[in-house]
Amino acid sequence: MATVTNWIDHLSAEEVVGAVYPGAGSMETTLVIIGVVLWLGWHVLTAKSESDELDRLSRKRHGPNDHKSNVTEW
């Protein structure tokens, strides 16, 4: 077994990269792009859904005493 004298050269060597970080360079970029697209899509859909729900509730114009008559669709 060889003694490592310089970790920077050792970890950047081609034959060691796979052992330290398996799959280096194979799919990271694709997975990051997919993750960012899903993350942005989730936020857009959630914002639209919440906006529609708040618009629907604001059109109802509940009064201050509606809770006394047990209004169920707030």
PDB file of N, CA and C in Angstrom:
ATOM      1  N   MET A   1       0.843  -1.176   0.000  1.00  0.00           N
ATOM      2  CA  MET A   1       0.000   0.000   0.000  1.00  0.00           C
ATOM      3  C   MET A   1       0.887   1.237   0.000  1.00  0.00           C
ATOM      4  N   ALA A   2       0.607   2.165  -0.881  1.00  0.00           N
ATOM      5  CA  ALA A   2       1.436   3.358  -1.032  1.00  0.00           C
ATOM      6  C   ALA A   2       1.030   4.422  -0.023  1.00  0.00           C
ATOM      7  N   THR A   3       1.983   5.194   0.383  1.00  0.00           N
ATOM      8  CA  THR A   3       1.734   6.308   1.286  1.00  0.00           C
ATOM      9  C   THR A   3       1.353   7.526   0.457  1.00  0.00           C
ATOM     10  N   VAL A   4       0.304   8.219   0.874  1.00  0.00           N
ATOM     11  CA  VAL A   4      -0.138   9.415   0.167  1.00  0.00           C
ATOM     12  C   VAL A   4       0.614  10.606   0.738  1.00  0.00           C
ATOM     13  N   THR A   5       1.323  11.322  -0.115  1.00  0.00           N
ATOM     14  CA  THR A   5       2.075  12.496   0.336  1.00  0.00           C
ATOM     15  C   THR A   5       1.376  13.798  -0.034  1.00  0.00           C
ATOM     16  N   ASN A   6       0.544  13.777  -1.062  1.00  0.00           N
ATOM     17  CA  ASN A   6      -0.144  14.982  -1.493  1.00  0.00           C
ATOM     18  C   ASN A   6      -1.601  14.616  -1.804  1.00  0.00           C
ATOM     19  N   TRP A   7      -2.514  14.995  -0.920  1.00  0.00           N
ATOM     20  CA  TRP A   7      -3.918  14.614  -1.071  1.00  0.00           C
ATOM     21  C   TRP A   7      -4.572  15.272  -2.278  1.00  0.00           C
ATOM     22  N   ILE A   8      -4.149  16.472  -2.632  1.00  0.00           N
ATOM     23  CA  ILE A   8      -4.759  17.160  -3.773  1.00  0.00           C
ATOM     24  C   ILE A   8      -4.488  16.390  -5.059  1.00  0.00           C
ATOM     25  N   ASP A   9      -3.237  15.992  -5.265  1.00  0.00           N
ATOM     26  CA  ASP A   9      -2.914  15.212  -6.461  1.00  0.00           C
ATOM     27  C   ASP A   9      -3.567  13.838  -6.412  1.00  0.00           C
ATOM     28  N   HIS A  10      -3.632  13.271  -5.226  1.00  0.00           N
ATOM     29  CA  HIS A  10      -4.197  11.925  -5.086  1.00  0.00           C
ATOM     30  C   HIS A  10      -5.696  11.914  -5.408  1.00  0.00           C
ATOM     31  N   LEU A  11      -6.444  12.863  -4.862  1.00  0.00           N
ATOM     32  CA  LEU A  11      -7.895  12.877  -5.055  1.00  0.00           C
ATOM     33  C   LEU A  11      -8.305  13.368  -6.438  1.00  0.00           C
ATOM     34  N   SER A  12      -7.420  14.066  -7.147  1.00  0.00           N
ATOM     35  CA  SER A  12      -7.769  14.522  -8.486  1.00  0.00           C
ATOM     36  C   SER A  12      -7.288  13.554  -9.567  1.00  0.00           C
ATOM     37  N   ALA A  13      -6.640  12.488  -9.191  1.00  0.00           N
ATOM     38  CA  ALA A  13      -6.191  11.493 -10.167  1.00  0.00           C
ATOM     39  C   ALA A  13      -7.404  10.756 -10.722  1.00  0.00           C
ATOM     40  N   GLU A  14      -7.382  10.457 -12.009  1.00  0.00           N
ATOM     41  CA  GLU A  14      -8.522   9.825 -12.685  1.00  0.00           C
ATOM     42  C   GLU A  14      -8.907   8.482 -12.073  1.00  0.00           C
ATOM     43  N   GLU A  15      -7.932   7.689 -11.671  1.00  0.00           N
ATOM     44  CA  GLU A  15      -8.245   6.353 -11.159  1.00  0.00           C
ATOM     45  C   GLU A  15      -8.838   6.384  -9.756  1.00  0.00           C
ATOM     46  N   VAL A  16      -8.748   7.512  -9.050  1.00  0.00           N
ATOM     47  CA  VAL A  16      -9.250   7.596  -7.679  1.00  0.00           C
ATOM     48  C   VAL A  16     -10.604   8.285  -7.622  1.00  0.00           C
ATOM     49  N   VAL A  17     -10.937   9.090  -8.610  1.00  0.00           N
ATOM     50  CA  VAL A  17     -12.170   9.876  -8.573  1.00  0.00           C
ATOM     51  C   VAL A  17     -13.391   8.979  -8.418  1.00  0.00           C
ATOM     52  N   GLY A  18     -13.443   7.878  -9.117  1.00  0.00           N
ATOM     53  CA  GLY A  18     -14.588   6.977  -9.013  1.00  0.00           C
ATOM     54  C   GLY A  18     -14.725   6.356  -7.642  1.00  0.00           C
ATOM     55  N   ALA A  19     -13.622   6.106  -6.968  1.00  0.00           N
ATOM     56  CA  ALA A  19     -13.675   5.518  -5.635  1.00  0.00           C
ATOM     57  C   ALA A  19     -14.127   6.535  -4.597  1.00  0.00           C
ATOM     58  N   VAL A  20     -13.746   7.792  -4.770  1.00  0.00           N
ATOM     59  CA  VAL A  20     -14.114   8.830  -3.813  1.00  0.00           C
ATOM     60  C   VAL A  20     -15.544   9.295  -4.055  1.00  0.00           C
ATOM     61  N   TYR A  21     -15.900   9.468  -5.310  1.00  0.00           N
ATOM     62  CA  TYR A  21     -17.215   9.987  -5.670  1.00  0.00           C
ATOM     63  C   TYR A  21     -17.745   9.180  -6.844  1.00  0.00           C
ATOM     64  N   PRO A  22     -18.450   8.089  -6.576  1.00  0.00           N
ATOM     65  CA  PRO A  22     -18.911   7.227  -7.667  1.00  0.00           C
ATOM     66  C   PRO A  22     -19.899   7.951  -8.583  1.00  0.00           C
ATOM     67  N   GLY A  23     -19.760   7.712  -9.860  1.00  0.00           N
ATOM     68  CA  GLY A  23     -20.657   8.332 -10.832  1.00  0.00           C
ATOM     69  C   GLY A  23     -20.309   9.760 -11.155  1.00  0.00           C
ATOM     70  N   ALA A  24     -19.084  10.166 -10.902  1.00  0.00           N
ATOM     71  CA  ALA A  24     -18.686  11.556 -11.131  1.00  0.00           C
ATOM     72  C   ALA A  24     -18.823  11.917 -12.603  1.00  0.00           C
ATOM     73  N   GLY A  25     -19.617  12.935 -12.871  1.00  0.00           N
ATOM     74  CA  GLY A  25     -19.760  13.441 -14.225  1.00  0.00           C
ATOM     75  C   GLY A  25     -20.741  12.692 -15.097  1.00  0.00           C
ATOM     76  N   SER A  26     -21.392  11.678 -14.582  1.00  0.00           N
ATOM     77  CA  SER A  26     -22.253  10.885 -15.453  1.00  0.00           C
ATOM     78  C   SER A  26     -23.651  11.487 -15.598  1.00  0.00           C
ATOM     79  N   MET A  27     -24.318  11.764 -14.500  1.00  0.00           N
ATOM     80  CA  MET A  27     -25.705  12.218 -14.584  1.00  0.00           C
ATOM     81  C   MET A  27     -26.000  13.433 -13.712  1.00  0.00           C
ATOM     82  N   GLU A  28     -24.999  14.021 -13.082  1.00  0.00           N
ATOM     83  CA  GLU A  28     -25.283  15.110 -12.146  1.00  0.00           C
ATOM     84  C   GLU A  28     -25.981  16.286 -12.808  1.00  0.00           C
ATOM     85  N   THR A  29     -25.493  16.706 -13.957  1.00  0.00           N
ATOM     86  CA  THR A  29     -26.077  17.870 -14.622  1.00  0.00           C
ATOM     87  C   THR A  29     -27.527  17.613 -14.992  1.00  0.00           C
ATOM     88  N   THR A  30     -27.796  16.453 -15.523  1.00  0.00           N
ATOM     89  CA  THR A  30     -29.169  16.106 -15.900  1.00  0.00           C
ATOM     90  C   THR A  30     -30.070  16.062 -14.675  1.00  0.00           C
ATOM     91  N   LEU A  31     -29.605  15.451 -13.608  1.00  0.00           N
ATOM     92  CA  LEU A  31     -30.416  15.354 -12.394  1.00  0.00           C
ATOM     93  C   LEU A  31     -30.645  16.721 -11.753  1.00  0.00           C
ATOM     94  N   VAL A  32     -29.647  17.586 -11.785  1.00  0.00           N
ATOM     95  CA  VAL A  32     -29.815  18.933 -11.232  1.00  0.00           C
ATOM     96  C   VAL A  32     -30.832  19.718 -12.046  1.00  0.00           C
ATOM     97  N   ILE A  33     -30.760  19.624 -13.364  1.00  0.00           N
ATOM     98  CA  ILE A  33     -31.722  20.334 -14.215  1.00  0.00           C
ATOM     99  C   ILE A  33     -33.134  19.808 -13.973  1.00  0.00           C
ATOM    100  N   ILE A  34     -33.287  18.496 -13.892  1.00  0.00           N
ATOM    101  CA  ILE A  34     -34.604  17.908 -13.608  1.00  0.00           C
ATOM    102  C   ILE A  34     -35.109  18.370 -12.248  1.00  0.00           C
ATOM    103  N   GLY A  35     -34.234  18.390 -11.260  1.00  0.00           N
ATOM    104  CA  GLY A  35     -34.623  18.834  -9.918  1.00  0.00           C
ATOM    105  C   GLY A  35     -35.062  20.283  -9.890  1.00  0.00           C
ATOM    106  N   VAL A  36     -34.335  21.148 -10.579  1.00  0.00           N
ATOM    107  CA  VAL A  36     -34.691  22.569 -10.609  1.00  0.00           C
ATOM    108  C   VAL A  36     -36.017  22.773 -11.337  1.00  0.00           C
ATOM    109  N   VAL A  37     -36.230  22.070 -12.440  1.00  0.00           N
ATOM    110  CA  VAL A  37     -37.493  22.188 -13.179  1.00  0.00           C
ATOM    111  C   VAL A  37     -38.660  21.717 -12.314  1.00  0.00           C
ATOM    112  N   LEU A  38     -38.495  20.591 -11.625  1.00  0.00           N
ATOM    113  CA  LEU A  38     -39.557  20.104 -10.742  1.00  0.00           C
ATOM    114  C   LEU A  38     -39.819  21.072  -9.595  1.00  0.00           C
ATOM    115  N   TRP A  39     -38.758  21.622  -9.030  1.00  0.00           N
ATOM    116  CA  TRP A  39     -38.894  22.562  -7.921  1.00  0.00           C
ATOM    117  C   TRP A  39     -39.640  23.820  -8.362  1.00  0.00           C
ATOM    118  N   LEU A  40     -39.250  24.375  -9.517  1.00  0.00           N
ATOM    119  CA  LEU A  40     -39.935  25.564 -10.024  1.00  0.00           C
ATOM    120  C   LEU A  40     -41.379  25.253 -10.403  1.00  0.00           C
ATOM    121  N   GLY A  41     -41.602  24.106 -11.035  1.00  0.00           N
ATOM    122  CA  GLY A  41     -42.962  23.714 -11.396  1.00  0.00           C
ATOM    123  C   GLY A  41     -43.858  23.563 -10.184  1.00  0.00           C
ATOM    124  N   TRP A  42     -43.313  22.971  -9.138  1.00  0.00           N
ATOM    125  CA  TRP A  42     -44.074  22.798  -7.891  1.00  0.00           C
ATOM    126  C   TRP A  42     -44.494  24.158  -7.336  1.00  0.00           C
ATOM    127  N   HIS A  43     -43.579  25.122  -7.326  1.00  0.00           N
ATOM    128  CA  HIS A  43     -43.902  26.434  -6.779  1.00  0.00           C
ATOM    129  C   HIS A  43     -44.907  27.177  -7.650  1.00  0.00           C
ATOM    130  N   VAL A  44     -44.806  27.049  -8.953  1.00  0.00           N
ATOM    131  CA  VAL A  44     -45.765  27.710  -9.846  1.00  0.00           C
ATOM    132  C   VAL A  44     -47.156  27.117  -9.649  1.00  0.00           C
ATOM    133  N   LEU A  45     -47.251  25.787  -9.626  1.00  0.00           N
ATOM    134  CA  LEU A  45     -48.560  25.146  -9.437  1.00  0.00           C
ATOM    135  C   LEU A  45     -49.155  25.463  -8.069  1.00  0.00           C
ATOM    136  N   THR A  46     -48.333  25.470  -7.038  1.00  0.00           N
ATOM    137  CA  THR A  46     -48.820  25.776  -5.696  1.00  0.00           C
ATOM    138  C   THR A  46     -49.299  27.223  -5.609  1.00  0.00           C
ATOM    139  N   ALA A  47     -48.545  28.150  -6.178  1.00  0.00           N
ATOM    140  CA  ALA A  47     -48.945  29.558  -6.152  1.00  0.00           C
ATOM    141  C   ALA A  47     -50.255  29.764  -6.901  1.00  0.00           C
ATOM    142  N   LYS A  48     -50.412  29.116  -8.050  1.00  0.00           N
ATOM    143  CA  LYS A  48     -51.653  29.243  -8.820  1.00  0.00           C
ATOM    144  C   LYS A  48     -52.828  28.663  -8.049  1.00  0.00           C
ATOM    145  N   SER A  49     -52.632  27.509  -7.443  1.00  0.00           N
ATOM    146  CA  SER A  49     -53.698  26.868  -6.686  1.00  0.00           C
ATOM    147  C   SER A  49     -54.115  27.721  -5.490  1.00  0.00           C
ATOM    148  N   GLU A  50     -53.140  28.246  -4.762  1.00  0.00           N
ATOM    149  CA  GLU A  50     -53.470  29.073  -3.606  1.00  0.00           C
ATOM    150  C   GLU A  50     -54.130  30.378  -4.032  1.00  0.00           C
ATOM    151  N   SER A  51     -53.686  30.939  -5.148  1.00  0.00           N
ATOM    152  CA  SER A  51     -54.288  32.170  -5.643  1.00  0.00           C
ATOM    153  C   SER A  51     -55.746  31.939  -6.036  1.00  0.00           C
ATOM    154  N   ASP A  52     -56.017  30.831  -6.715  1.00  0.00           N
ATOM    155  CA  ASP A  52     -57.399  30.505  -7.085  1.00  0.00           C
ATOM    156  C   ASP A  52     -58.264  30.309  -5.845  1.00  0.00           C
ATOM    157  N   GLU A  53     -57.728  29.635  -4.849  1.00  0.00           N
ATOM    158  CA  GLU A  53     -58.486  29.396  -3.617  1.00  0.00           C
ATOM    159  C   GLU A  53     -58.777  30.709  -2.894  1.00  0.00           C
ATOM    160  N   LEU A  54     -57.791  31.587  -2.815  1.00  0.00           N
ATOM    161  CA  LEU A  54     -58.007  32.872  -2.149  1.00  0.00           C
ATOM    162  C   LEU A  54     -58.972  33.750  -2.933  1.00  0.00           C
ATOM    163  N   ASP A  55     -58.921  33.705  -4.259  1.00  0.00           N
ATOM    164  CA  ASP A  55     -59.887  34.458  -5.066  1.00  0.00           C
ATOM    165  C   ASP A  55     -61.305  33.950  -4.836  1.00  0.00           C
ATOM    166  N   ARG A  56     -61.452  32.628  -4.756  1.00  0.00           N
ATOM    167  CA  ARG A  56     -62.775  32.046  -4.520  1.00  0.00           C
ATOM    168  C   ARG A  56     -63.308  32.467  -3.150  1.00  0.00           C
ATOM    169  N   LEU A  57     -62.449  32.449  -2.154  1.00  0.00           N
ATOM    170  CA  LEU A  57     -62.888  32.830  -0.815  1.00  0.00           C
ATOM    171  C   LEU A  57     -63.173  34.324  -0.715  1.00  0.00           C
ATOM    172  N   SER A  58     -62.420  35.142  -1.435  1.00  0.00           N
ATOM    173  CA  SER A  58     -62.648  36.586  -1.356  1.00  0.00           C
ATOM    174  C   SER A  58     -63.956  36.984  -2.030  1.00  0.00           C
ATOM    175  N   ARG A  59     -64.414  36.210  -3.009  1.00  0.00           N
ATOM    176  CA  ARG A  59     -65.695  36.507  -3.655  1.00  0.00           C
ATOM    177  C   ARG A  59     -66.876  36.208  -2.742  1.00  0.00           C
ATOM    178  N   LYS A  60     -66.696  35.352  -1.756  1.00  0.00           N
ATOM    179  CA  LYS A  60     -67.798  35.015  -0.851  1.00  0.00           C
ATOM    180  C   LYS A  60     -68.127  36.154   0.099  1.00  0.00           C
ATOM    181  N   ARG A  61     -67.148  36.967   0.436  1.00  0.00           N
ATOM    182  CA  ARG A  61     -67.318  38.109   1.342  1.00  0.00           C
ATOM    183  C   ARG A  61     -68.026  37.708   2.633  1.00  0.00           C
ATOM    184  N   HIS A  62     -67.353  36.891   3.405  1.00  0.00           N
ATOM    185  CA  HIS A  62     -67.912  36.487   4.694  1.00  0.00           C
ATOM    186  C   HIS A  62     -68.024  37.685   5.628  1.00  0.00           C
ATOM    187  N   GLY A  63     -69.075  37.689   6.422  1.00  0.00           N
ATOM    188  CA  GLY A  63     -69.269  38.738   7.402  1.00  0.00           C
ATOM    189  C   GLY A  63     -68.637  38.358   8.736  1.00  0.00           C
ATOM    190  N   PRO A  64     -68.569  39.306   9.657  1.00  0.00           N
ATOM    191  CA  PRO A  64     -67.923  39.037  10.944  1.00  0.00           C
ATOM    192  C   PRO A  64     -68.704  38.062  11.820  1.00  0.00           C
ATOM    193  N   ASN A  65     -70.003  37.867  11.544  1.00  0.00           N
ATOM    194  CA  ASN A  65     -70.811  36.980  12.376  1.00  0.00           C
ATOM    195  C   ASN A  65     -71.156  35.663  11.701  1.00  0.00           C
ATOM    196  N   ASP A  66     -70.563  35.360  10.558  1.00  0.00           N
ATOM    197  CA  ASP A  66     -70.875  34.121   9.844  1.00  0.00           C
ATOM    198  C   ASP A  66     -70.470  32.880  10.624  1.00  0.00           C
ATOM    199  N   HIS A  67     -69.471  32.994  11.475  1.00  0.00           N
ATOM    200  CA  HIS A  67     -69.059  31.814  12.241  1.00  0.00           C
ATOM    201  C   HIS A  67     -70.144  31.381  13.221  1.00  0.00           C
ATOM    202  N   LYS A  68     -71.041  32.284  13.576  1.00  0.00           N
ATOM    203  CA  LYS A  68     -72.099  31.944  14.527  1.00  0.00           C
ATOM    204  C   LYS A  68     -73.156  31.047  13.893  1.00  0.00           C
ATOM    205  N   SER A  69     -73.321  31.113  12.576  1.00  0.00           N
ATOM    206  CA  SER A  69     -74.302  30.260  11.917  1.00  0.00           C
ATOM    207  C   SER A  69     -73.639  29.029  11.293  1.00  0.00           C
ATOM    208  N   ASN A  70     -72.443  28.696  11.747  1.00  0.00           N
ATOM    209  CA  ASN A  70     -71.733  27.468  11.382  1.00  0.00           C
ATOM    210  C   ASN A  70     -71.520  27.346   9.870  1.00  0.00           C
ATOM    211  N   VAL A  71     -70.887  28.334   9.291  1.00  0.00           N
ATOM    212  CA  VAL A  71     -70.530  28.283   7.883  1.00  0.00           C
ATOM    213  C   VAL A  71     -69.370  27.302   7.740  1.00  0.00           C
ATOM    214  N   THR A  72     -69.555  26.271   6.905  1.00  0.00           N
ATOM    215  CA  THR A  72     -68.534  25.227   6.829  1.00  0.00           C
ATOM    216  C   THR A  72     -67.503  25.458   5.734  1.00  0.00           C
ATOM    217  N   GLU A  73     -67.804  26.225   4.706  1.00  0.00           N
ATOM    218  CA  GLU A  73     -66.867  26.408   3.598  1.00  0.00           C
ATOM    219  C   GLU A  73     -66.147  27.735   3.711  1.00  0.00           C
ATOM    220  N   TRP A  74     -65.204  27.826   4.580  1.00  0.00           N
ATOM    221  CA  TRP A  74     -64.402  29.039   4.705  1.00  0.00           C
ATOM    222  C   TRP A  74     -63.339  28.931   3.726  1.00  0.00           C
TER     223      TRP A  74
END
